[in-house]
Amino acid sequence: MSKASDDICFRKAKARDDETFTLVGKDLSSPRVICEWIKENIETAPPAKLMEALQCAIRMRNAVLRKRAD
């Protein structure tokens, strides 16, 4: 996801008064959490959103210096 897409997502969530939670790419658990989101939303989320999430999880899994969450 690009910075512009991130900003749009956060602005939309804020406008709806939705809570958000940020995953950090180097956290060991982040790719698994995203894959769980995909699993839970595979029937209802648009295919493009599912692919975006999967690509993000793969980039996170391949990150150098992965670590436990702070």
Protein backbone atom coordinates (compact mmCIF):
# COMPACT_ATOMS: atom_id res chain seq x y z
CA MET A 1 0.00 0.00 0.00
CA SER A 2 1.36 3.41 -0.86
CA LYS A 3 1.59 6.31 1.56
CA ALA A 4 -1.22 8.05 -0.35
CA SER A 5 -3.43 4.95 -0.02
CA ASP A 6 -2.59 4.74 3.69
CA ASP A 7 -3.58 8.38 4.16
CA ILE A 8 -6.88 7.88 2.32
CA CYS A 9 -7.71 4.77 4.36
CA PHE A 10 -6.99 6.55 7.64
CA ARG A 11 -9.00 9.63 6.64
CA LYS A 12 -11.99 7.45 5.66
CA ALA A 13 -11.80 5.53 8.95
CA LYS A 14 -11.54 8.77 10.94
CA ALA A 15 -14.52 10.26 9.08
CA ARG A 16 -16.58 7.17 10.02
CA ASP A 17 -15.26 7.32 13.59
CA ASP A 18 -13.79 3.81 13.10
CA GLU A 19 -10.93 2.61 15.25
CA THR A 20 -7.71 1.64 13.51
CA PHE A 21 -4.71 -0.51 14.41
CA THR A 22 -1.37 -0.26 12.64
CA LEU A 23 0.82 -3.26 11.87
CA VAL A 24 4.53 -2.64 11.44
CA GLY A 25 6.14 -4.46 8.55
CA LYS A 26 9.13 -5.77 10.49
CA ASP A 27 7.03 -7.29 13.30
CA LEU A 28 7.20 -11.08 13.07
CA SER A 29 3.44 -11.48 13.46
CA SER A 30 2.33 -8.89 10.88
CA PRO A 31 2.22 -11.16 7.80
CA ARG A 32 0.24 -13.81 9.71
CA VAL A 33 -2.24 -11.22 10.98
CA ILE A 34 -2.82 -9.99 7.43
CA CYS A 35 -3.29 -13.56 6.19
CA GLU A 36 -5.90 -14.09 8.92
CA TRP A 37 -7.68 -10.94 7.73
CA ILE A 38 -7.65 -12.33 4.18
CA LYS A 39 -9.04 -15.66 5.42
CA GLU A 40 -11.85 -13.96 7.33
CA ASN A 41 -12.78 -11.63 4.46
CA ILE A 42 -12.18 -13.77 1.38
CA GLU A 43 -15.89 -14.12 0.62
CA THR A 44 -16.77 -10.44 0.98
CA ALA A 45 -13.77 -8.22 0.25
CA PRO A 46 -13.10 -7.08 -3.31
CA PRO A 47 -10.48 -9.25 -5.05
CA ALA A 48 -8.20 -6.24 -5.54
CA LYS A 49 -8.22 -5.55 -1.78
CA LEU A 50 -7.42 -9.20 -1.03
CA MET A 51 -4.51 -9.15 -3.51
CA GLU A 52 -3.23 -5.88 -2.04
CA ALA A 53 -3.28 -7.44 1.42
CA LEU A 54 -1.51 -10.60 0.23
CA GLN A 55 1.18 -8.59 -1.55
CA CYS A 56 1.69 -6.53 1.60
CA ALA A 57 2.01 -9.69 3.72
CA ILE A 58 4.60 -11.10 1.32
CA ARG A 59 6.64 -7.86 1.41
CA MET A 60 6.49 -7.89 5.21
CA ARG A 61 7.55 -11.53 5.36
CA ASN A 62 10.55 -10.71 3.19
CA ALA A 63 11.58 -7.69 5.27
CA VAL A 64 15.14 -7.65 6.57
CA LEU A 65 15.66 -7.53 10.34
CA ARG A 66 12.22 -8.79 11.35
CA LYS A 67 11.63 -8.66 15.09
CA ARG A 68 9.10 -9.15 17.85
CA ALA A 69 6.58 -6.35 18.25
CA ASP A 70 7.62 -3.36 20.36
